[in-house]
Amino acid sequence: MDASAIDHSRDALTISRILRVNHAGEVGAINIYTAQIAMPQRDGDIHDFLVETLSHERKHARQFLALMPDRHTRPCGAMPLWGLGGTFLGAVTGLLSRNAVLICTEAVERTVHRHLDDQLAWLGDRDPALSDTIRKIQAQELGHLRFARDGQGARGWFSHGLDAVIVAATEAVIWLSTYGASAKMAHDLKA
């Protein structure tokens, strides 16, 4: 096997992992927002935000799923972890407070944005259709991040702790879903 075939094979594997983890992340987000909507809401703007954001996440999941067949990719094997984790996280933050819901959104989106930036840097011109899809989704997700960041109240020790736990859980499930490739990609890009 020649070197170009090896590189192409590695690229295909990385592209497959990017698609899988991005699709799984959208499924996790769908479960977060679905659970948060089911919890008692404190005011109308947060409910409206959650309903609109849920519709965005469903569309994003369909977009990533639609790209899989041409790339010989199937959904992530860790999907139950994303689903159950998302439901648990959404229910807990939804029960806690409006601020907890916004902290959850900010922590998840901030973490995901860093990974999407890494993916776009790695993809370059390897897969223009996937890059374009990620860019468009990332732009919409940035609106979620801004709303969450701008709508929060003062942050105390609990808010900072909740943020740290959510970031760590998100990083862990991304790492598990990519078999560590996400961390390697970030390391290689920094080098």
Protein backbone atom coordinates (compact mmCIF):
# COMPACT_ATOMS: atom_id res chain seq x y z
CA MET A 1 0.00 0.00 0.00
CA ASP A 2 1.44 3.40 -0.94
CA ALA A 3 1.69 6.43 1.37
CA SER A 4 -1.11 8.37 -0.36
CA ALA A 5 -3.52 5.46 0.22
CA ILE A 6 -2.55 5.40 3.90
CA ASP A 7 -3.09 9.15 4.23
CA HIS A 8 -6.42 8.92 2.40
CA SER A 9 -7.51 6.08 4.69
CA ARG A 10 -6.54 8.06 7.79
CA ASP A 11 -8.34 11.12 6.44
CA ALA A 12 -11.47 9.06 5.78
CA LEU A 13 -11.34 7.66 9.32
CA THR A 14 -10.96 11.15 10.81
CA ILE A 15 -13.79 12.52 8.66
CA SER A 16 -15.96 9.61 9.78
CA ARG A 17 -15.17 10.33 13.44
CA ILE A 18 -15.92 14.04 12.96
CA LEU A 19 -19.31 13.21 11.47
CA ARG A 20 -20.12 10.68 14.17
CA VAL A 21 -19.23 12.90 17.08
CA ASN A 22 -20.96 15.94 15.60
CA HIS A 23 -24.14 13.98 14.95
CA ALA A 24 -23.99 12.45 18.43
CA GLY A 25 -23.44 15.90 19.94
CA GLU A 26 -26.57 17.17 18.21
CA VAL A 27 -28.53 14.19 19.59
CA GLY A 28 -27.17 14.99 23.05
CA ALA A 29 -28.22 18.63 22.62
CA ILE A 30 -31.69 17.55 21.47
CA ASN A 31 -32.03 15.55 24.68
CA ILE A 32 -30.74 18.42 26.81
CA TYR A 33 -33.21 20.91 25.39
CA THR A 34 -36.10 18.42 25.36
CA ALA A 35 -35.56 17.69 29.07
CA GLN A 36 -35.17 21.38 29.92
CA ILE A 37 -38.42 22.23 28.10
CA ALA A 38 -40.20 19.52 30.13
CA MET A 39 -39.12 21.16 33.40
CA PRO A 40 -41.03 24.05 34.97
CA GLN A 41 -39.93 27.27 33.28
CA ARG A 42 -39.35 30.52 35.12
CA ASP A 43 -40.18 32.93 32.26
CA GLY A 44 -41.18 33.07 28.60
CA ASP A 45 -37.88 34.11 27.01
CA ILE A 46 -36.03 31.02 28.20
CA HIS A 47 -38.85 28.73 27.04
CA ASP A 48 -38.92 30.40 23.62
CA PHE A 49 -35.12 30.12 23.38
CA LEU A 50 -35.21 26.41 24.25
CA VAL A 51 -37.94 25.62 21.72
CA GLU A 52 -36.15 27.52 18.94
CA THR A 53 -32.77 26.02 19.81
CA LEU A 54 -34.26 22.51 19.91
CA SER A 55 -35.51 23.00 16.34
CA HIS A 56 -32.01 24.11 15.28
CA GLU A 57 -30.40 21.05 16.90
CA ARG A 58 -32.84 18.69 15.19
CA LYS A 59 -32.01 20.27 11.83
CA HIS A 60 -28.27 20.02 12.55
CA ALA A 61 -28.58 16.33 13.45
CA ARG A 62 -30.39 15.65 10.15
CA GLN A 63 -27.68 17.54 8.23
CA PHE A 64 -24.85 15.49 9.74
CA LEU A 65 -26.81 12.26 9.30
CA ALA A 66 -27.40 13.09 5.61
CA LEU A 67 -23.63 13.39 5.04
CA MET A 68 -22.87 9.93 6.46
CA PRO A 69 -23.83 7.56 3.59
CA ASP A 70 -21.50 9.15 1.02
CA ARG A 71 -18.66 8.85 3.53
CA HIS A 72 -19.48 5.24 4.50
CA THR A 73 -20.17 6.34 8.05
CA ARG A 74 -22.78 5.29 10.54
CA PRO A 75 -23.93 6.95 13.78
CA CYS A 76 -21.72 6.86 16.84
CA GLY A 77 -21.69 3.69 18.93
CA ALA A 78 -21.77 5.81 22.10
CA MET A 79 -25.15 7.32 21.16
CA PRO A 80 -26.88 5.96 24.31
CA LEU A 81 -24.30 7.81 26.41
CA TRP A 82 -25.06 11.06 24.56
CA GLY A 83 -28.80 10.49 24.86
CA LEU A 84 -28.90 9.55 28.53
CA GLY A 85 -26.28 12.12 29.48
CA GLY A 86 -28.14 14.85 27.61
CA THR A 87 -31.45 13.94 29.23
CA PHE A 88 -29.89 13.85 32.71
CA LEU A 89 -28.05 17.14 32.21
CA GLY A 90 -31.14 18.84 30.79
CA ALA A 91 -33.39 17.61 33.58
CA VAL A 92 -31.00 18.60 36.37
CA THR A 93 -30.24 22.07 35.00
CA GLY A 94 -33.91 22.57 34.08
CA LEU A 95 -34.94 21.82 37.65
CA LEU A 96 -32.23 24.01 39.18
CA SER A 97 -32.87 27.42 37.65
CA ARG A 98 -32.99 29.60 34.58
CA ASN A 99 -29.35 30.49 35.20
CA ALA A 100 -28.38 26.79 35.35
CA VAL A 101 -30.04 26.25 31.95
CA LEU A 102 -28.02 29.12 30.49
CA ILE A 103 -24.79 27.96 32.14
CA CYS A 104 -25.39 24.52 30.62
CA THR A 105 -25.88 25.98 27.15
CA GLU A 106 -22.84 28.21 27.43
CA ALA A 107 -20.56 25.45 28.77
CA VAL A 108 -21.61 22.93 26.10
CA GLU A 109 -21.51 25.44 23.24
CA ARG A 110 -18.14 26.88 24.28
CA THR A 111 -16.63 23.41 24.40
CA VAL A 112 -18.21 22.36 21.11
CA HIS A 113 -17.06 25.56 19.38
CA ARG A 114 -13.46 24.79 20.23
CA HIS A 115 -13.84 21.32 18.74
CA LEU A 116 -15.55 22.67 15.63
CA ASP A 117 -12.71 25.15 15.17
CA ASP A 118 -10.24 22.27 15.37
CA GLN A 119 -12.28 20.24 12.90
CA LEU A 120 -12.45 23.10 10.40
CA ALA A 121 -8.71 23.73 10.69
CA TRP A 122 -7.97 20.04 10.13
CA LEU A 123 -10.50 19.60 7.31
CA GLY A 124 -9.18 22.48 5.21
CA ASP A 125 -10.12 21.45 1.68
CA ARG A 126 -10.26 17.69 2.44
CA ASP A 127 -14.07 17.68 2.48
CA PRO A 128 -15.61 20.98 1.32
CA ALA A 129 -19.22 19.84 1.84
CA LEU A 130 -18.57 18.82 5.45
CA SER A 131 -16.59 22.00 6.12
CA ASP A 132 -19.40 24.13 4.72
CA THR A 133 -21.99 22.31 6.82
CA ILE A 134 -19.91 22.72 9.98
CA ARG A 135 -19.37 26.44 9.31
CA LYS A 136 -23.08 27.08 8.83
CA ILE A 137 -24.02 25.09 11.92
CA GLN A 138 -21.31 26.75 13.97
CA ALA A 139 -22.62 30.21 13.02
CA GLN A 140 -26.08 29.27 14.27
CA GLU A 141 -24.67 27.68 17.42
CA LEU A 142 -22.80 30.91 18.12
CA GLY A 143 -26.20 32.58 18.52
CA HIS A 144 -27.08 30.01 21.20
CA LEU A 145 -23.80 30.71 22.98
CA ARG A 146 -24.33 34.49 22.91
CA PHE A 147 -27.89 34.25 24.21
CA ALA A 148 -26.76 32.00 27.05
CA ARG A 149 -23.77 34.16 27.93
CA ASP A 150 -25.71 37.44 27.78
CA GLY A 151 -28.75 36.16 29.68
CA GLN A 152 -26.99 34.87 32.78
CA GLY A 153 -27.06 36.47 36.17
CA ALA A 154 -24.10 36.87 38.45
CA ARG A 155 -21.85 33.84 38.75
CA GLY A 156 -20.82 32.48 42.10
CA TRP A 157 -18.93 29.39 43.17
CA PHE A 158 -21.84 27.08 42.29
CA SER A 159 -22.16 28.51 38.78
CA HIS A 160 -18.43 28.14 38.17
CA GLY A 161 -18.50 24.59 39.51
CA LEU A 162 -21.51 23.66 37.37
CA ASP A 163 -19.78 25.09 34.30
CA ALA A 164 -16.61 23.10 35.03
CA VAL A 165 -18.51 19.84 35.51
CA ILE A 166 -20.47 20.31 32.27
CA VAL A 167 -17.31 21.16 30.31
CA ALA A 168 -15.51 18.11 31.73
CA ALA A 169 -18.45 15.81 30.93
CA THR A 170 -18.71 17.20 27.39
CA GLU A 171 -14.97 16.78 26.81
CA ALA A 172 -15.11 13.23 28.16
CA VAL A 173 -17.97 12.11 25.92
CA ILE A 174 -16.30 13.73 22.89
CA TRP A 175 -13.04 11.94 23.72
CA LEU A 176 -14.82 8.60 24.17
CA SER A 177 -16.81 9.02 20.96
CA THR A 178 -13.72 9.75 18.87
CA TYR A 179 -11.49 7.19 20.61
CA GLY A 180 -9.24 10.07 21.63
CA ALA A 181 -8.89 11.40 18.07
CA SER A 182 -10.35 14.78 19.09
CA ALA A 183 -7.53 15.33 21.58
CA LYS A 184 -4.92 14.15 19.06
CA MET A 185 -6.33 16.51 16.42
CA ALA A 186 -6.17 19.46 18.82
CA HIS A 187 -2.60 18.51 19.80
CA ASP A 188 -1.47 18.13 16.18
CA LEU A 189 -2.99 21.48 15.22
CA LYS A 190 -1.12 23.24 18.02
CA ALA A 191 2.18 21.64 17.00
